[in-house]
Amino acid sequence: MTEPTTTGHEPVDDREVRPRTAYVGRLEIQWDPRILEPRPWTAEQSRWAASLLTDLPPGPVLELCAGAGHIGLLAVAGTRRELVCVDIDPVATEYAAANARRNGLAAQVSTRTESIADAAEHPTSYSLVLADPPWVASAETGRFPEDPLRAIDGGADGSALAVDCVRTAGRVLAPGGALVLQVGTEAQLDGPVAAAGREHGLVEVERRVFERGVLALLRHADGQVSG
């Protein structure tokens, strides 16, 4: 996350938007202020996912709340895995597709502009789901004025969309598959996320805590394998 301040969000004038470049791992990622700026630390989520893919069953990867697509792209780079990037914001999915082309991954990557829940309505099953949902509590979003509100607002306690991601993952993961979820705090994992996991047959088997966020690995309750 960006460093917090006390001012409010300012709308972005589309006429003044200019693409910017960020480097995440070995990838060159373009974005603009209408979507969330890629954070270098999120490459940790990609690296964890990539290490899991060597042992996960065959099948594509789903990235929920994909934004510019950098987490999923870095995870599948150097593999033959197909990646589906999903985001409700069409600007985000346009950037995800463009970033796939920019980094030579277009043949592996498709995008869909739809909600987290709608991502579960397709017949495809996935060996891995990556999710980087908005996880800032609604009352705290004013502390991050540089970030688009929709990209950071996670509801009352910051976990609403993380819970949605767990629900969708529970429906689309293939047997033996895994979810790597990013949230803001361990309390979010211990409370709403854990409850949603129990409801949908997923349990946390490992977590990794970083200065700017927390990652968790969830697996089907009948196949816990730590990464």
Protein backbone atom coordinates (compact mmCIF):
# COMPACT_ATOMS: atom_id res chain seq x y z
CA MET A 1 0.00 0.00 0.00
CA THR A 2 1.01 3.61 -0.40
CA GLU A 3 2.04 5.65 2.60
CA PRO A 4 -1.14 6.98 4.27
CA THR A 5 -2.10 10.66 4.39
CA THR A 6 -5.17 12.44 5.71
CA THR A 7 -6.58 13.92 2.48
CA GLY A 8 -9.41 12.51 0.37
CA HIS A 9 -9.52 10.83 -3.05
CA GLU A 10 -9.41 13.00 -6.16
CA PRO A 11 -11.13 11.84 -9.39
CA VAL A 12 -8.86 11.08 -12.33
CA ASP A 13 -9.57 13.02 -15.53
CA ASP A 14 -9.38 10.43 -18.33
CA ARG A 15 -8.20 13.12 -20.73
CA GLU A 16 -5.06 13.61 -18.65
CA VAL A 17 -4.22 9.95 -18.13
CA ARG A 18 -0.76 8.86 -19.25
CA PRO A 19 0.54 5.30 -18.93
CA ARG A 20 3.25 4.76 -16.35
CA THR A 21 5.74 1.94 -16.06
CA ALA A 22 6.49 -0.26 -13.06
CA TYR A 23 8.89 -3.18 -12.81
CA VAL A 24 7.65 -6.24 -10.94
CA GLY A 25 10.16 -9.05 -10.85
CA ARG A 26 11.48 -9.30 -14.39
CA LEU A 27 8.33 -7.91 -16.00
CA GLU A 28 7.71 -4.43 -17.36
CA ILE A 29 4.18 -3.45 -16.37
CA GLN A 30 2.22 -0.44 -17.57
CA TRP A 31 -0.64 1.12 -15.62
CA ASP A 32 -2.20 4.52 -15.04
CA PRO A 33 -3.82 6.23 -12.02
CA ARG A 34 -7.28 4.89 -12.87
CA ILE A 35 -6.15 1.50 -11.52
CA LEU A 36 -4.00 0.46 -8.57
CA GLU A 37 -0.27 1.00 -8.94
CA PRO A 38 1.58 -2.35 -8.98
CA ARG A 39 3.54 -2.79 -5.76
CA PRO A 40 6.96 -4.45 -6.03
CA TRP A 41 6.36 -6.50 -2.86
CA THR A 42 3.47 -8.33 -4.54
CA ALA A 43 6.05 -10.25 -6.55
CA GLU A 44 6.25 -12.40 -3.40
CA GLN A 45 2.75 -13.65 -4.18
CA SER A 46 3.82 -14.46 -7.73
CA ARG A 47 6.93 -16.31 -6.58
CA TRP A 48 4.98 -18.37 -4.08
CA ALA A 49 2.45 -19.23 -6.77
CA ALA A 50 5.18 -20.17 -9.25
CA SER A 51 6.76 -22.52 -6.72
CA LEU A 52 3.39 -24.19 -6.13
CA LEU A 53 2.73 -24.65 -9.84
CA THR A 54 5.55 -27.17 -10.15
CA ASP A 55 3.55 -29.64 -8.02
CA LEU A 56 -0.06 -28.65 -8.68
CA PRO A 57 -2.22 -30.68 -11.07
CA PRO A 58 -2.45 -29.66 -14.74
CA GLY A 59 -4.77 -26.80 -15.53
CA PRO A 60 -5.01 -23.05 -15.94
CA VAL A 61 -4.50 -20.28 -13.40
CA LEU A 62 -7.20 -17.77 -12.44
CA GLU A 63 -6.29 -14.32 -11.15
CA LEU A 64 -9.11 -12.48 -9.37
CA CYS A 65 -8.99 -8.69 -8.92
CA ALA A 66 -6.16 -8.78 -11.43
CA GLY A 67 -5.59 -5.06 -11.86
CA ALA A 68 -2.70 -4.60 -14.28
CA GLY A 69 -2.19 -8.38 -14.25
CA HIS A 70 1.34 -8.35 -12.88
CA ILE A 71 0.88 -10.95 -10.14
CA GLY A 72 -0.56 -13.59 -12.44
CA LEU A 73 1.76 -12.77 -15.32
CA LEU A 74 4.86 -13.15 -13.18
CA ALA A 75 3.50 -16.40 -11.74
CA VAL A 76 3.05 -18.09 -15.14
CA ALA A 77 6.07 -16.55 -16.90
CA GLY A 78 8.40 -19.35 -17.93
CA THR A 79 5.64 -21.97 -17.73
CA ARG A 80 3.08 -23.27 -20.20
CA ARG A 81 0.18 -22.57 -17.88
CA GLU A 82 -2.73 -20.58 -19.24
CA LEU A 83 -3.80 -17.57 -17.19
CA VAL A 84 -7.24 -15.96 -16.98
CA CYS A 85 -7.16 -12.42 -15.55
CA VAL A 86 -10.48 -11.23 -14.11
CA ASP A 87 -11.31 -7.72 -12.94
CA ILE A 88 -14.55 -5.77 -12.77
CA ASP A 89 -12.82 -2.68 -14.18
CA PRO A 90 -12.43 -2.68 -17.98
CA VAL A 91 -9.43 -0.35 -17.72
CA ALA A 92 -7.68 -2.98 -15.61
CA THR A 93 -8.38 -5.83 -18.01
CA GLU A 94 -7.19 -3.72 -20.94
CA TYR A 95 -3.90 -3.17 -19.14
CA ALA A 96 -3.63 -6.83 -18.17
CA ALA A 97 -4.00 -7.86 -21.82
CA ALA A 98 -1.53 -5.20 -22.97
CA ASN A 99 0.98 -6.23 -20.31
CA ALA A 100 0.71 -9.84 -21.41
CA ARG A 101 1.58 -8.77 -24.96
CA ARG A 102 4.39 -6.50 -23.73
CA ASN A 103 6.04 -9.38 -21.89
CA GLY A 104 5.60 -12.05 -24.56
CA LEU A 105 2.81 -13.89 -22.73
CA ALA A 106 -0.18 -13.09 -24.94
CA ALA A 107 -0.55 -16.67 -26.17
CA GLN A 108 -1.07 -17.87 -22.58
CA VAL A 109 -3.31 -15.10 -21.28
CA SER A 110 -6.97 -14.16 -21.62
CA THR A 111 -8.95 -11.53 -19.73
CA ARG A 112 -12.55 -11.21 -18.58
CA THR A 113 -14.24 -8.07 -17.29
CA GLU A 114 -16.59 -9.40 -14.63
CA SER A 115 -17.19 -9.62 -10.90
CA ILE A 116 -15.57 -12.08 -8.52
CA ALA A 117 -18.85 -13.97 -8.24
CA ASP A 118 -19.35 -14.12 -12.00
CA ALA A 119 -15.91 -15.72 -12.37
CA ALA A 120 -17.40 -18.84 -10.78
CA GLU A 121 -20.09 -19.16 -13.45
CA HIS A 122 -17.79 -20.64 -16.11
CA PRO A 123 -17.29 -24.39 -16.54
CA THR A 124 -13.49 -24.20 -16.31
CA SER A 125 -11.72 -25.53 -13.22
CA TYR A 126 -8.35 -24.15 -12.16
CA SER A 127 -5.30 -25.66 -10.53
CA LEU A 128 -4.43 -22.32 -8.92
CA VAL A 129 -6.38 -19.20 -7.99
CA LEU A 130 -4.53 -15.98 -7.21
CA ALA A 131 -6.44 -13.16 -5.52
CA ASP A 132 -5.40 -9.62 -4.60
CA PRO A 133 -8.74 -8.10 -3.58
CA PRO A 134 -9.21 -4.63 -2.08
CA TRP A 135 -8.52 -5.05 1.63
CA VAL A 136 -8.60 -1.58 3.22
CA ALA A 137 -11.48 -0.99 5.64
CA SER A 138 -13.92 1.54 4.19
CA ALA A 139 -13.37 4.02 7.02
CA GLU A 140 -9.61 3.97 6.34
CA THR A 141 -9.61 4.50 2.56
CA GLY A 142 -9.17 8.27 2.93
CA ARG A 143 -5.65 7.59 4.17
CA PHE A 144 -4.67 6.47 0.67
CA PRO A 145 -5.77 9.30 -1.64
CA GLU A 146 -3.50 8.30 -4.51
CA ASP A 147 -5.29 4.96 -4.93
CA PRO A 148 -8.59 4.53 -6.80
CA LEU A 149 -11.30 3.98 -4.21
CA ARG A 150 -12.77 0.92 -5.92
CA ALA A 151 -9.33 -0.71 -6.00
CA ILE A 152 -8.79 -0.53 -2.23
CA ASP A 153 -12.19 -0.45 -0.48
CA GLY A 154 -12.70 -3.84 1.14
CA GLY A 155 -15.86 -3.03 3.08
CA ALA A 156 -16.44 -2.48 6.78
CA ASP A 157 -13.48 -4.53 8.04
CA GLY A 158 -11.57 -4.78 4.76
CA SER A 159 -12.36 -8.45 4.20
CA ALA A 160 -15.58 -8.39 2.15
CA LEU A 161 -14.00 -9.01 -1.23
CA ALA A 162 -11.44 -11.44 0.18
CA VAL A 163 -14.39 -13.51 1.38
CA ASP A 164 -15.89 -13.33 -2.13
CA CYS A 165 -12.59 -14.60 -3.54
CA VAL A 166 -12.61 -17.56 -1.15
CA ARG A 167 -16.17 -18.41 -2.16
CA THR A 168 -15.32 -18.33 -5.85
CA ALA A 169 -12.12 -20.31 -5.34
CA GLY A 170 -14.06 -22.96 -3.47
CA ARG A 171 -16.27 -23.40 -6.53
CA VAL A 172 -13.66 -23.35 -9.30
CA LEU A 173 -10.57 -25.07 -7.86
CA ALA A 174 -9.78 -28.47 -9.30
CA PRO A 175 -9.09 -31.33 -6.86
CA GLY A 176 -5.64 -30.75 -5.42
CA GLY A 177 -5.70 -27.08 -6.39
CA ALA A 178 -4.69 -24.07 -4.30
CA LEU A 179 -5.65 -20.48 -3.55
CA VAL A 180 -2.98 -17.88 -2.78
CA LEU A 181 -4.79 -14.91 -1.24
CA GLN A 182 -3.49 -11.46 -0.32
CA VAL A 183 -5.06 -9.51 2.55
CA GLY A 184 -4.07 -6.61 4.74
CA THR A 185 -3.98 -8.13 8.21
CA GLU A 186 -3.80 -11.45 9.98
CA ALA A 187 -7.07 -10.59 11.73
CA GLN A 188 -8.81 -10.68 8.36
CA LEU A 189 -7.49 -14.19 7.80
CA ASP A 190 -8.37 -15.40 11.29
CA GLY A 191 -11.93 -14.08 11.18
CA PRO A 192 -14.02 -13.67 8.01
CA VAL A 193 -11.66 -15.46 5.62
CA ALA A 194 -11.36 -18.53 7.84
CA ALA A 195 -15.14 -18.66 8.24
CA ALA A 196 -15.67 -18.45 4.47
CA GLY A 197 -13.07 -21.14 3.97
CA ARG A 198 -14.87 -23.51 6.32
CA GLU A 199 -18.13 -22.84 4.49
CA HIS A 200 -16.59 -23.66 1.13
CA GLY A 201 -14.25 -26.50 2.05
CA LEU A 202 -10.97 -24.56 2.09
CA VAL A 203 -8.50 -24.35 4.95
CA GLU A 204 -5.43 -22.20 5.45
CA VAL A 205 -2.27 -24.29 5.48
CA GLU A 206 0.37 -21.55 5.48
CA ARG A 207 0.69 -17.79 5.77
CA ARG A 208 3.49 -15.35 5.10
CA VAL A 209 3.51 -11.93 6.73
CA PHE A 210 5.13 -8.91 5.08
CA GLU A 211 5.41 -5.27 6.05
CA ARG A 212 2.75 -4.24 3.53
CA GLY A 213 0.39 -7.19 3.58
CA VAL A 214 -0.23 -10.84 4.34
CA LEU A 215 -0.36 -13.86 2.02
CA ALA A 216 -2.19 -17.09 2.76
CA LEU A 217 -2.26 -20.48 1.07
CA LEU A 218 -5.61 -22.27 1.21
CA ARG A 219 -6.28 -25.82 0.05
CA HIS A 220 -9.25 -28.16 -0.01
CA ALA A 221 -9.82 -29.55 3.46
CA ASP A 222 -9.30 -33.11 2.20
CA GLY A 223 -5.94 -32.36 0.57
CA GLN A 224 -3.78 -30.11 2.70
CA VAL A 225 -0.34 -29.78 1.17
CA SER A 226 1.82 -26.86 2.31
CA GLY A 227 3.81 -24.96 -0.33
